């Protein structure tokens, strides 16, 4: 459930995109978004963003998935989904296309909403 819906009762498909992005980052990292205390960031989302900004996005990956060579683009997609501005988030159909096609050129994510 998106935070906007829980707090304000507002609903949009872009809020579902945000929730999907959180879920994707949780799967890729093997960690929950809440209760994450590996860095100065309060949540997994902040930690993922800090690594991404520093060009160290692969360090987010669960070691088991690193062995499976999950593309770096999956982290990019997760971060695109959680961007601060709802208008900057991709649609679910774009996400499916991006996850299913490694040759798609993705835009760089902007700072997430945290």
PDB file of N, CA and C in Angstrom:
ATOM      1  N   UNK A   1       0.851  -1.163   0.000  1.00  0.00           N
ATOM      2  CA  UNK A   1       0.000   0.000   0.000  1.00  0.00           C
ATOM      3  C   UNK A   1       0.898   1.228   0.000  1.00  0.00           C
ATOM      4  N   UNK A   2       0.584   2.166  -0.842  1.00  0.00           N
ATOM      5  CA  UNK A   2       1.404   3.367  -0.922  1.00  0.00           C
ATOM      6  C   UNK A   2       1.173   4.256   0.292  1.00  0.00           C
ATOM      7  N   UNK A   3       2.182   5.025   0.619  1.00  0.00           N
ATOM      8  CA  UNK A   3       2.114   5.929   1.758  1.00  0.00           C
ATOM      9  C   UNK A   3       1.051   7.003   1.543  1.00  0.00           C
ATOM     10  N   UNK A   4       0.954   7.543   0.328  1.00  0.00           N
ATOM     11  CA  UNK A   4      -0.052   8.576   0.033  1.00  0.00           C
ATOM     12  C   UNK A   4      -1.460   8.054   0.262  1.00  0.00           C
ATOM     13  N   UNK A   5      -1.693   6.806  -0.140  1.00  0.00           N
ATOM     14  CA  UNK A   5      -3.024   6.233   0.046  1.00  0.00           C
ATOM     15  C   UNK A   5      -3.303   6.014   1.531  1.00  0.00           C
ATOM     16  N   UNK A   6      -2.311   5.513   2.237  1.00  0.00           N
ATOM     17  CA  UNK A   6      -2.491   5.237   3.666  1.00  0.00           C
ATOM     18  C   UNK A   6      -2.719   6.516   4.465  1.00  0.00           C
ATOM     19  N   UNK A   7      -1.972   7.576   4.136  1.00  0.00           N
ATOM     20  CA  UNK A   7      -2.058   8.812   4.914  1.00  0.00           C
ATOM     21  C   UNK A   7      -3.189   9.735   4.478  1.00  0.00           C
ATOM     22  N   UNK A   8      -3.411   9.822   3.162  1.00  0.00           N
ATOM     23  CA  UNK A   8      -4.338  10.823   2.653  1.00  0.00           C
ATOM     24  C   UNK A   8      -5.541  10.246   1.905  1.00  0.00           C
ATOM     25  N   UNK A   9      -5.552   8.951   1.688  1.00  0.00           N
ATOM     26  CA  UNK A   9      -6.653   8.337   0.954  1.00  0.00           C
ATOM     27  C   UNK A   9      -6.630   8.634  -0.535  1.00  0.00           C
ATOM     28  N   UNK A  10      -5.488   9.154  -1.027  1.00  0.00           N
ATOM     29  CA  UNK A  10      -5.351   9.462  -2.449  1.00  0.00           C
ATOM     30  C   UNK A  10      -4.811   8.240  -3.181  1.00  0.00           C
ATOM     31  N   UNK A  11      -5.336   7.993  -4.369  1.00  0.00           N
ATOM     32  CA  UNK A  11      -4.925   6.822  -5.128  1.00  0.00           C
ATOM     33  C   UNK A  11      -4.521   7.214  -6.538  1.00  0.00           C
ATOM     34  N   UNK A  12      -3.477   6.595  -7.032  1.00  0.00           N
ATOM     35  CA  UNK A  12      -3.013   6.773  -8.402  1.00  0.00           C
ATOM     36  C   UNK A  12      -2.228   5.530  -8.783  1.00  0.00           C
ATOM     37  N   UNK A  13      -2.230   5.185 -10.054  1.00  0.00           N
ATOM     38  CA  UNK A  13      -1.426   4.042 -10.497  1.00  0.00           C
ATOM     39  C   UNK A  13       0.058   4.319 -10.276  1.00  0.00           C
ATOM     40  N   UNK A  14       0.459   5.580 -10.266  1.00  0.00           N
ATOM     41  CA  UNK A  14       1.859   5.918 -10.017  1.00  0.00           C
ATOM     42  C   UNK A  14       2.252   5.600  -8.575  1.00  0.00           C
ATOM     43  N   UNK A  15       1.288   5.568  -7.656  1.00  0.00           N
ATOM     44  CA  UNK A  15       1.585   5.165  -6.288  1.00  0.00           C
ATOM     45  C   UNK A  15       1.892   3.676  -6.257  1.00  0.00           C
ATOM     46  N   UNK A  16       1.196   2.904  -7.079  1.00  0.00           N
ATOM     47  CA  UNK A  16       1.498   1.480  -7.186  1.00  0.00           C
ATOM     48  C   UNK A  16       2.904   1.278  -7.741  1.00  0.00           C
ATOM     49  N   UNK A  17       3.317   2.144  -8.647  1.00  0.00           N
ATOM     50  CA  UNK A  17       4.662   2.082  -9.209  1.00  0.00           C
ATOM     51  C   UNK A  17       5.689   2.294  -8.092  1.00  0.00           C
ATOM     52  N   UNK A  18       5.430   3.243  -7.209  1.00  0.00           N
ATOM     53  CA  UNK A  18       6.326   3.488  -6.070  1.00  0.00           C
ATOM     54  C   UNK A  18       6.451   2.224  -5.214  1.00  0.00           C
ATOM     55  N   UNK A  19       5.323   1.621  -4.895  1.00  0.00           N
ATOM     56  CA  UNK A  19       5.334   0.402  -4.085  1.00  0.00           C
ATOM     57  C   UNK A  19       6.085  -0.720  -4.782  1.00  0.00           C
ATOM     58  N   UNK A  20       5.911  -0.830  -6.091  1.00  0.00           N
ATOM     59  CA  UNK A  20       6.636  -1.842  -6.852  1.00  0.00           C
ATOM     60  C   UNK A  20       8.139  -1.584  -6.783  1.00  0.00           C
ATOM     61  N   UNK A  21       8.540  -0.327  -6.876  1.00  0.00           N
ATOM     62  CA  UNK A  21       9.957   0.018  -6.797  1.00  0.00           C
ATOM     63  C   UNK A  21      10.566  -0.386  -5.465  1.00  0.00           C
ATOM     64  N   UNK A  22       9.842  -0.134  -4.372  1.00  0.00           N
ATOM     65  CA  UNK A  22      10.312  -0.543  -3.045  1.00  0.00           C
ATOM     66  C   UNK A  22      10.460  -2.063  -3.004  1.00  0.00           C
ATOM     67  N   UNK A  23       9.452  -2.764  -3.484  1.00  0.00           N
ATOM     68  CA  UNK A  23       9.480  -4.224  -3.494  1.00  0.00           C
ATOM     69  C   UNK A  23      10.660  -4.748  -4.321  1.00  0.00           C
ATOM     70  N   UNK A  24      10.886  -4.163  -5.478  1.00  0.00           N
ATOM     71  CA  UNK A  24      11.995  -4.584  -6.337  1.00  0.00           C
ATOM     72  C   UNK A  24      13.336  -4.386  -5.629  1.00  0.00           C
ATOM     73  N   UNK A  25      13.521  -3.238  -4.981  1.00  0.00           N
ATOM     74  CA  UNK A  25      14.764  -2.982  -4.261  1.00  0.00           C
ATOM     75  C   UNK A  25      14.928  -3.936  -3.076  1.00  0.00           C
ATOM     76  N   UNK A  26      13.823  -4.271  -2.412  1.00  0.00           N
ATOM     77  CA  UNK A  26      13.888  -5.243  -1.314  1.00  0.00           C
ATOM     78  C   UNK A  26      14.312  -6.615  -1.826  1.00  0.00           C
ATOM     79  N   UNK A  27      13.769  -7.019  -2.949  1.00  0.00           N
ATOM     80  CA  UNK A  27      14.126  -8.326  -3.527  1.00  0.00           C
ATOM     81  C   UNK A  27      15.592  -8.340  -3.952  1.00  0.00           C
ATOM     82  N   UNK A  28      16.029  -7.284  -4.623  1.00  0.00           N
ATOM     83  CA  UNK A  28      17.404  -7.230  -5.114  1.00  0.00           C
ATOM     84  C   UNK A  28      18.425  -7.213  -3.984  1.00  0.00           C
ATOM     85  N   UNK A  29      18.066  -6.552  -2.880  1.00  0.00           N
ATOM     86  CA  UNK A  29      19.012  -6.416  -1.772  1.00  0.00           C
ATOM     87  C   UNK A  29      18.878  -7.529  -0.734  1.00  0.00           C
ATOM     88  N   UNK A  30      17.708  -8.173  -0.696  1.00  0.00           N
ATOM     89  CA  UNK A  30      17.456  -9.174   0.330  1.00  0.00           C
ATOM     90  C   UNK A  30      17.173  -8.557   1.687  1.00  0.00           C
ATOM     91  N   UNK A  31      16.832  -7.260   1.698  1.00  0.00           N
ATOM     92  CA  UNK A  31      16.583  -6.544   2.946  1.00  0.00           C
ATOM     93  C   UNK A  31      15.247  -5.825   2.884  1.00  0.00           C
ATOM     94  N   UNK A  32      14.650  -5.605   4.055  1.00  0.00           N
ATOM     95  CA  UNK A  32      13.398  -4.862   4.132  1.00  0.00           C
ATOM     96  C   UNK A  32      13.689  -3.367   4.124  1.00  0.00           C
ATOM     97  N   UNK A  33      12.743  -2.601   3.609  1.00  0.00           N
ATOM     98  CA  UNK A  33      12.901  -1.148   3.573  1.00  0.00           C
ATOM     99  C   UNK A  33      12.874  -0.566   4.981  1.00  0.00           C
ATOM    100  N   UNK A  34      11.991  -1.050   5.817  1.00  0.00           N
ATOM    101  CA  UNK A  34      11.921  -0.553   7.190  1.00  0.00           C
ATOM    102  C   UNK A  34      12.850  -1.370   8.075  1.00  0.00           C
ATOM    103  N   UNK A  35      13.386  -0.736   9.065  1.00  0.00           N
ATOM    104  CA  UNK A  35      14.277  -1.443   9.973  1.00  0.00           C
ATOM    105  C   UNK A  35      15.641  -1.706   9.378  1.00  0.00           C
ATOM    106  N   UNK A  36      16.034  -0.921   8.390  1.00  0.00           N
ATOM    107  CA  UNK A  36      17.327  -1.087   7.732  1.00  0.00           C
ATOM    108  C   UNK A  36      18.304  -0.087   8.333  1.00  0.00           C
ATOM    109  N   UNK A  37      19.391  -0.581   8.924  1.00  0.00           N
ATOM    110  CA  UNK A  37      20.315   0.313   9.611  1.00  0.00           C
ATOM    111  C   UNK A  37      21.768   0.050   9.214  1.00  0.00           C
ATOM    112  N   UNK A  38      22.014  -0.164   7.947  1.00  0.00           N
ATOM    113  CA  UNK A  38      23.366  -0.496   7.512  1.00  0.00           C
ATOM    114  C   UNK A  38      24.228   0.751   7.290  1.00  0.00           C
ATOM    115  N   UNK A  39      23.620   1.901   7.209  1.00  0.00           N
ATOM    116  CA  UNK A  39      24.370   3.124   6.940  1.00  0.00           C
ATOM    117  C   UNK A  39      23.721   4.278   7.691  1.00  0.00           C
ATOM    118  N   UNK A  40      24.150   5.491   7.370  1.00  0.00           N
ATOM    119  CA  UNK A  40      23.537   6.680   7.970  1.00  0.00           C
ATOM    120  C   UNK A  40      22.112   6.873   7.472  1.00  0.00           C
ATOM    121  N   UNK A  41      21.778   6.233   6.367  1.00  0.00           N
ATOM    122  CA  UNK A  41      20.417   6.322   5.831  1.00  0.00           C
ATOM    123  C   UNK A  41      19.462   5.586   6.755  1.00  0.00           C
ATOM    124  N   UNK A  42      18.279   6.124   6.913  1.00  0.00           N
ATOM    125  CA  UNK A  42      17.312   5.511   7.810  1.00  0.00           C
ATOM    126  C   UNK A  42      16.624   4.311   7.186  1.00  0.00           C
ATOM    127  N   UNK A  43      16.582   4.266   5.874  1.00  0.00           N
ATOM    128  CA  UNK A  43      15.860   3.194   5.197  1.00  0.00           C
ATOM    129  C   UNK A  43      16.685   2.659   4.032  1.00  0.00           C
ATOM    130  N   UNK A  44      16.268   1.503   3.568  1.00  0.00           N
ATOM    131  CA  UNK A  44      16.917   0.867   2.420  1.00  0.00           C
ATOM    132  C   UNK A  44      16.943   1.802   1.215  1.00  0.00           C
ATOM    133  N   UNK A  45      15.867   2.536   1.015  1.00  0.00           N
ATOM    134  CA  UNK A  45      15.758   3.436  -0.128  1.00  0.00           C
ATOM    135  C   UNK A  45      16.878   4.478  -0.132  1.00  0.00           C
ATOM    136  N   UNK A  46      17.154   5.068   1.027  1.00  0.00           N
ATOM    137  CA  UNK A  46      18.236   6.040   1.124  1.00  0.00           C
ATOM    138  C   UNK A  46      19.591   5.409   0.889  1.00  0.00           C
ATOM    139  N   UNK A  47      19.770   4.207   1.395  1.00  0.00           N
ATOM    140  CA  UNK A  47      21.020   3.482   1.202  1.00  0.00           C
ATOM    141  C   UNK A  47      21.229   3.166  -0.285  1.00  0.00           C
ATOM    142  N   UNK A  48      20.178   2.688  -0.935  1.00  0.00           N
ATOM    143  CA  UNK A  48      20.261   2.373  -2.369  1.00  0.00           C
ATOM    144  C   UNK A  48      20.605   3.622  -3.172  1.00  0.00           C
ATOM    145  N   UNK A  49      19.980   4.720  -2.827  1.00  0.00           N
ATOM    146  CA  UNK A  49      20.235   5.980  -3.541  1.00  0.00           C
ATOM    147  C   UNK A  49      21.676   6.438  -3.331  1.00  0.00           C
ATOM    148  N   UNK A  50      22.177   6.359  -2.098  1.00  0.00           N
ATOM    149  CA  UNK A  50      23.560   6.758  -1.821  1.00  0.00           C
ATOM    150  C   UNK A  50      24.542   5.918  -2.643  1.00  0.00           C
ATOM    151  N   UNK A  51      24.330   4.602  -2.676  1.00  0.00           N
ATOM    152  CA  UNK A  51      25.206   3.734  -3.475  1.00  0.00           C
ATOM    153  C   UNK A  51      25.128   4.088  -4.952  1.00  0.00           C
ATOM    154  N   UNK A  52      23.914   4.337  -5.444  1.00  0.00           N
ATOM    155  CA  UNK A  52      23.715   4.652  -6.863  1.00  0.00           C
ATOM    156  C   UNK A  52      24.446   5.943  -7.231  1.00  0.00           C
ATOM    157  N   UNK A  53      24.314   6.974  -6.412  1.00  0.00           N
ATOM    158  CA  UNK A  53      24.961   8.263  -6.676  1.00  0.00           C
ATOM    159  C   UNK A  53      26.478   8.114  -6.752  1.00  0.00           C
ATOM    160  N   UNK A  54      27.007   7.212  -5.939  1.00  0.00           N
ATOM    161  CA  UNK A  54      28.458   7.008  -5.884  1.00  0.00           C
ATOM    162  C   UNK A  54      28.949   6.013  -6.931  1.00  0.00           C
ATOM    163  N   UNK A  55      28.030   5.520  -7.787  1.00  0.00           N
ATOM    164  CA  UNK A  55      28.416   4.559  -8.820  1.00  0.00           C
ATOM    165  C   UNK A  55      28.698   3.170  -8.280  1.00  0.00           C
ATOM    166  N   UNK A  56      28.134   2.869  -7.111  1.00  0.00           N
ATOM    167  CA  UNK A  56      28.375   1.569  -6.474  1.00  0.00           C
ATOM    168  C   UNK A  56      27.079   0.782  -6.305  1.00  0.00           C
ATOM    169  N   UNK A  57      26.161   0.926  -7.242  1.00  0.00           N
ATOM    170  CA  UNK A  57      24.850   0.294  -7.157  1.00  0.00           C
ATOM    171  C   UNK A  57      24.903  -1.213  -6.978  1.00  0.00           C
ATOM    172  N   UNK A  58      25.902  -1.867  -7.559  1.00  0.00           N
ATOM    173  CA  UNK A  58      26.011  -3.324  -7.456  1.00  0.00           C
ATOM    174  C   UNK A  58      26.190  -3.785  -6.018  1.00  0.00           C
ATOM    175  N   UNK A  59      26.703  -2.911  -5.146  1.00  0.00           N
ATOM    176  CA  UNK A  59      26.907  -3.283  -3.748  1.00  0.00           C
ATOM    177  C   UNK A  59      25.584  -3.503  -3.015  1.00  0.00           C
ATOM    178  N   UNK A  60      24.502  -3.026  -3.596  1.00  0.00           N
ATOM    179  CA  UNK A  60      23.181  -3.218  -3.010  1.00  0.00           C
ATOM    180  C   UNK A  60      22.716  -4.669  -3.148  1.00  0.00           C
ATOM    181  N   UNK A  61      23.205  -5.344  -4.161  1.00  0.00           N
ATOM    182  CA  UNK A  61      22.699  -6.659  -4.524  1.00  0.00           C
ATOM    183  C   UNK A  61      22.932  -7.717  -3.461  1.00  0.00           C
ATOM    184  N   UNK A  62      21.923  -8.539  -3.259  1.00  0.00           N
ATOM    185  CA  UNK A  62      22.035  -9.745  -2.442  1.00  0.00           C
ATOM    186  C   UNK A  62      23.115 -10.618  -3.089  1.00  0.00           C
ATOM    187  N   UNK A  63      24.085 -11.118  -2.327  1.00  0.00           N
ATOM    188  CA  UNK A  63      25.172 -11.902  -2.922  1.00  0.00           C
ATOM    189  C   UNK A  63      24.710 -13.056  -3.820  1.00  0.00           C
ATOM    190  N   UNK A  64      23.635 -13.713  -3.470  1.00  0.00           N
ATOM    191  CA  UNK A  64      23.132 -14.811  -4.296  1.00  0.00           C
ATOM    192  C   UNK A  64      22.721 -14.297  -5.682  1.00  0.00           C
ATOM    193  N   UNK A  65      22.145 -13.113  -5.729  1.00  0.00           N
ATOM    194  CA  UNK A  65      21.720 -12.555  -7.012  1.00  0.00           C
ATOM    195  C   UNK A  65      22.897 -12.051  -7.829  1.00  0.00           C
ATOM    196  N   UNK A  66      23.946 -11.604  -7.162  1.00  0.00           N
ATOM    197  CA  UNK A  66      25.150 -11.180  -7.883  1.00  0.00           C
ATOM    198  C   UNK A  66      25.682 -12.324  -8.725  1.00  0.00           C
ATOM    199  N   UNK A  67      25.615 -13.534  -8.169  1.00  0.00           N
ATOM    200  CA  UNK A  67      26.090 -14.709  -8.893  1.00  0.00           C
ATOM    201  C   UNK A  67      25.210 -15.006 -10.107  1.00  0.00           C
ATOM    202  N   UNK A  68      23.959 -14.609 -10.048  1.00  0.00           N
ATOM    203  CA  UNK A  68      23.030 -14.847 -11.153  1.00  0.00           C
ATOM    204  C   UNK A  68      23.126 -13.745 -12.209  1.00  0.00           C
ATOM    205  N   UNK A  69      24.010 -12.813 -12.021  1.00  0.00           N
ATOM    206  CA  UNK A  69      24.210 -11.678 -12.920  1.00  0.00           C
ATOM    207  C   UNK A  69      22.913 -10.939 -13.245  1.00  0.00           C
ATOM    208  N   UNK A  70      22.204 -10.564 -12.201  1.00  0.00           N
ATOM    209  CA  UNK A  70      21.029  -9.716 -12.380  1.00  0.00           C
ATOM    210  C   UNK A  70      21.533  -8.379 -12.894  1.00  0.00           C
ATOM    211  N   UNK A  71      20.985  -7.904 -13.982  1.00  0.00           N
ATOM    212  CA  UNK A  71      21.497  -6.664 -14.567  1.00  0.00           C
ATOM    213  C   UNK A  71      21.388  -5.469 -13.627  1.00  0.00           C
ATOM    214  N   UNK A  72      22.361  -4.588 -13.734  1.00  0.00           N
ATOM    215  CA  UNK A  72      22.365  -3.337 -12.972  1.00  0.00           C
ATOM    216  C   UNK A  72      21.116  -2.530 -13.288  1.00  0.00           C
ATOM    217  N   UNK A  73      20.559  -2.754 -14.458  1.00  0.00           N
ATOM    218  CA  UNK A  73      19.390  -1.992 -14.874  1.00  0.00           C
ATOM    219  C   UNK A  73      18.192  -2.261 -13.959  1.00  0.00           C
ATOM    220  N   UNK A  74      18.156  -3.390 -13.284  1.00  0.00           N
ATOM    221  CA  UNK A  74      17.057  -3.671 -12.365  1.00  0.00           C
ATOM    222  C   UNK A  74      17.076  -2.693 -11.192  1.00  0.00           C
ATOM    223  N   UNK A  75      18.272  -2.350 -10.710  1.00  0.00           N
ATOM    224  CA  UNK A  75      18.383  -1.347  -9.654  1.00  0.00           C
ATOM    225  C   UNK A  75      17.924  -0.003 -10.192  1.00  0.00           C
ATOM    226  N   UNK A  76      18.331   0.305 -11.416  1.00  0.00           N
ATOM    227  CA  UNK A  76      17.914   1.563 -12.059  1.00  0.00           C
ATOM    228  C   UNK A  76      16.391   1.639 -12.127  1.00  0.00           C
ATOM    229  N   UNK A  77      15.747   0.558 -12.552  1.00  0.00           N
ATOM    230  CA  UNK A  77      14.285   0.531 -12.650  1.00  0.00           C
ATOM    231  C   UNK A  77      13.662   0.746 -11.275  1.00  0.00           C
ATOM    232  N   UNK A  78      14.191   0.072 -10.252  1.00  0.00           N
ATOM    233  CA  UNK A  78      13.676   0.250  -8.897  1.00  0.00           C
ATOM    234  C   UNK A  78      13.753   1.698  -8.454  1.00  0.00           C
ATOM    235  N   UNK A  79      14.873   2.343  -8.741  1.00  0.00           N
ATOM    236  CA  UNK A  79      15.039   3.749  -8.352  1.00  0.00           C
ATOM    237  C   UNK A  79      14.184   4.686  -9.204  1.00  0.00           C
ATOM    238  N   UNK A  80      13.957   4.348 -10.463  1.00  0.00           N
ATOM    239  CA  UNK A  80      13.042   5.159 -11.294  1.00  0.00           C
ATOM    240  C   UNK A  80      11.628   5.128 -10.722  1.00  0.00           C
ATOM    241  N   UNK A  81      11.246   4.002 -10.169  1.00  0.00           N
ATOM    242  CA  UNK A  81       9.893   3.832  -9.621  1.00  0.00           C
ATOM    243  C   UNK A  81       9.650   4.632  -8.351  1.00  0.00           C
ATOM    244  N   UNK A  82      10.707   4.971  -7.632  1.00  0.00           N
ATOM    245  CA  UNK A  82      10.536   5.638  -6.337  1.00  0.00           C
ATOM    246  C   UNK A  82      10.962   7.105  -6.364  1.00  0.00           C
ATOM    247  N   UNK A  83      11.034   7.684  -7.550  1.00  0.00           N
ATOM    248  CA  UNK A  83      11.415   9.086  -7.654  1.00  0.00           C
ATOM    249  C   UNK A  83      10.411   9.974  -6.919  1.00  0.00           C
ATOM    250  N   UNK A  84      10.901  11.086  -6.421  1.00  0.00           N
ATOM    251  CA  UNK A  84      10.089  12.021  -5.630  1.00  0.00           C
ATOM    252  C   UNK A  84       8.832  12.461  -6.383  1.00  0.00           C
ATOM    253  N   UNK A  85       9.003  12.884  -7.619  1.00  0.00           N
ATOM    254  CA  UNK A  85       7.868  13.376  -8.402  1.00  0.00           C
ATOM    255  C   UNK A  85       7.109  12.217  -9.055  1.00  0.00           C
ATOM    256  N   UNK A  86       5.831  12.188  -8.825  1.00  0.00           N
ATOM    257  CA  UNK A  86       4.980  11.149  -9.417  1.00  0.00           C
ATOM    258  C   UNK A  86       5.081  11.177 -10.945  1.00  0.00           C
ATOM    259  N   UNK A  87       5.195  12.367 -11.510  1.00  0.00           N
ATOM    260  CA  UNK A  87       5.264  12.507 -12.967  1.00  0.00           C
ATOM    261  C   UNK A  87       6.543  11.918 -13.562  1.00  0.00           C
ATOM    262  N   UNK A  88       7.592  11.801 -12.749  1.00  0.00           N
ATOM    263  CA  UNK A  88       8.855  11.248 -13.242  1.00  0.00           C
ATOM    264  C   UNK A  88       8.870   9.724 -13.236  1.00  0.00           C
ATOM    265  N   UNK A  89       7.942   9.111 -12.525  1.00  0.00           N
ATOM    266  CA  UNK A  89       7.915   7.653 -12.417  1.00  0.00           C
ATOM    267  C   UNK A  89       7.401   7.025 -13.713  1.00  0.00           C
ATOM    268  N   UNK A  90       7.963   5.890 -14.113  1.00  0.00           N
ATOM    269  CA  UNK A  90       7.482   5.213 -15.327  1.00  0.00           C
ATOM    270  C   UNK A  90       6.126   4.546 -15.079  1.00  0.00           C
ATOM    271  N   UNK A  91       5.455   4.212 -16.162  1.00  0.00           N
ATOM    272  CA  UNK A  91       4.206   3.444 -16.048  1.00  0.00           C
ATOM    273  C   UNK A  91       4.572   1.977 -15.864  1.00  0.00           C
ATOM    274  N   UNK A  92       3.620   1.182 -15.408  1.00  0.00           N
ATOM    275  CA  UNK A  92       3.890  -0.247 -15.226  1.00  0.00           C
ATOM    276  C   UNK A  92       4.215  -0.917 -16.561  1.00  0.00           C
ATOM    277  N   UNK A  93       3.587  -0.491 -17.645  1.00  0.00           N
ATOM    278  CA  UNK A  93       3.908  -1.090 -18.942  1.00  0.00           C
ATOM    279  C   UNK A  93       5.347  -0.760 -19.345  1.00  0.00           C
ATOM    280  N   UNK A  94       5.815   0.446 -19.025  1.00  0.00           N
ATOM    281  CA  UNK A  94       7.213   0.799 -19.290  1.00  0.00           C
ATOM    282  C   UNK A  94       8.155  -0.058 -18.442  1.00  0.00           C
ATOM    283  N   UNK A  95       7.771  -0.293 -17.205  1.00  0.00           N
ATOM    284  CA  UNK A  95       8.596  -1.098 -16.304  1.00  0.00           C
ATOM    285  C   UNK A  95       8.751  -2.516 -16.828  1.00  0.00           C
ATOM    286  N   UNK A  96       7.651  -3.106 -17.252  1.00  0.00           N
ATOM    287  CA  UNK A  96       7.696  -4.468 -17.797  1.00  0.00           C
ATOM    288  C   UNK A  96       8.612  -4.510 -19.006  1.00  0.00           C
ATOM    289  N   UNK A  97       8.499  -3.515 -19.865  1.00  0.00           N
ATOM    290  CA  UNK A  97       9.350  -3.445 -21.048  1.00  0.00           C
ATOM    291  C   UNK A  97      10.816  -3.303 -20.663  1.00  0.00           C
ATOM    292  N   UNK A  98      11.093  -2.450 -19.683  1.00  0.00           N
ATOM    293  CA  UNK A  98      12.468  -2.211 -19.264  1.00  0.00           C
ATOM    294  C   UNK A  98      13.082  -3.435 -18.593  1.00  0.00           C
ATOM    295  N   UNK A  99      12.302  -4.154 -17.797  1.00  0.00           N
ATOM    296  CA  UNK A  99      12.833  -5.338 -17.121  1.00  0.00           C
ATOM    297  C   UNK A  99      13.025  -6.503 -18.085  1.00  0.00           C
ATOM    298  N   UNK A 100      12.231  -6.541 -19.136  1.00  0.00           N
ATOM    299  CA  UNK A 100      12.296  -7.649 -20.072  1.00  0.00           C
ATOM    300  C   UNK A 100      13.242  -7.438 -21.231  1.00  0.00           C
ATOM    301  N   UNK A 101      13.845  -6.252 -21.334  1.00  0.00           N
ATOM    302  CA  UNK A 101      14.677  -5.937 -22.486  1.00  0.00           C
ATOM    303  C   UNK A 101      15.949  -5.247 -22.011  1.00  0.00           C
ATOM    304  N   UNK A 102      17.052  -5.969 -22.012  1.00  0.00           N
ATOM    305  CA  UNK A 102      18.310  -5.415 -21.503  1.00  0.00           C
ATOM    306  C   UNK A 102      18.895  -4.347 -22.419  1.00  0.00           C
ATOM    307  N   UNK A 103      18.415  -4.233 -23.645  1.00  0.00           N
ATOM    308  CA  UNK A 103      18.980  -3.252 -24.570  1.00  0.00           C
ATOM    309  C   UNK A 103      18.278  -1.897 -24.491  1.00  0.00           C
ATOM    310  N   UNK A 104      17.264  -1.775 -23.633  1.00  0.00           N
ATOM    311  CA  UNK A 104      16.557  -0.506 -23.469  1.00  0.00           C
ATOM    312  C   UNK A 104      17.488   0.486 -22.784  1.00  0.00           C
ATOM    313  N   UNK A 105      17.523   1.707 -23.293  1.00  0.00           N
ATOM    314  CA  UNK A 105      18.327   2.763 -22.685  1.00  0.00           C
ATOM    315  C   UNK A 105      17.469   3.476 -21.645  1.00  0.00           C
ATOM    316  N   UNK A 106      17.846   3.332 -20.378  1.00  0.00           N
ATOM    317  CA  UNK A 106      17.067   3.912 -19.287  1.00  0.00           C
ATOM    318  C   UNK A 106      17.597   5.287 -18.914  1.00  0.00           C
ATOM    319  N   UNK A 107      16.683   6.143 -18.485  1.00  0.00           N
ATOM    320  CA  UNK A 107      17.102   7.434 -17.977  1.00  0.00           C
ATOM    321  C   UNK A 107      17.694   7.257 -16.582  1.00  0.00           C
ATOM    322  N   UNK A 108      18.433   8.234 -16.149  1.00  0.00           N
ATOM    323  CA  UNK A 108      18.995   8.187 -14.792  1.00  0.00           C
ATOM    324  C   UNK A 108      17.920   8.593 -13.800  1.00  0.00           C
ATOM    325  N   UNK A 109      17.833   7.879 -12.706  1.00  0.00           N
ATOM    326  CA  UNK A 109      16.815   8.232 -11.710  1.00  0.00           C
ATOM    327  C   UNK A 109      17.166   9.536 -10.995  1.00  0.00           C
ATOM    328  N   UNK A 110      16.106  10.217 -10.574  1.00  0.00           N
ATOM    329  CA  UNK A 110      16.267  11.405  -9.744  1.00  0.00           C
ATOM    330  C   UNK A 110      16.116  10.976  -8.300  1.00  0.00           C
ATOM    331  N   UNK A 111      16.378  11.890  -7.386  1.00  0.00           N
ATOM    332  CA  UNK A 111      16.329  11.543  -5.966  1.00  0.00           C
ATOM    333  C   UNK A 111      14.978  10.942  -5.580  1.00  0.00           C
ATOM    334  N   UNK A 112      15.013   9.843  -4.824  1.00  0.00           N
ATOM    335  CA  UNK A 112      13.767   9.211  -4.395  1.00  0.00           C
ATOM    336  C   UNK A 112      13.038  10.021  -3.337  1.00  0.00           C
ATOM    337  N   UNK A 113      11.805   9.601  -3.113  1.00  0.00           N
ATOM    338  CA  UNK A 113      10.976  10.213  -2.068  1.00  0.00           C
ATOM    339  C   UNK A 113      11.251   9.488  -0.770  1.00  0.00           C
ATOM    340  N   UNK A 114      12.058  10.104   0.099  1.00  0.00           N
ATOM    341  CA  UNK A 114      12.275   9.504   1.418  1.00  0.00           C
ATOM    342  C   UNK A 114      12.345  10.531   2.489  1.00  0.00           C
TER     343      UNK A 114
END
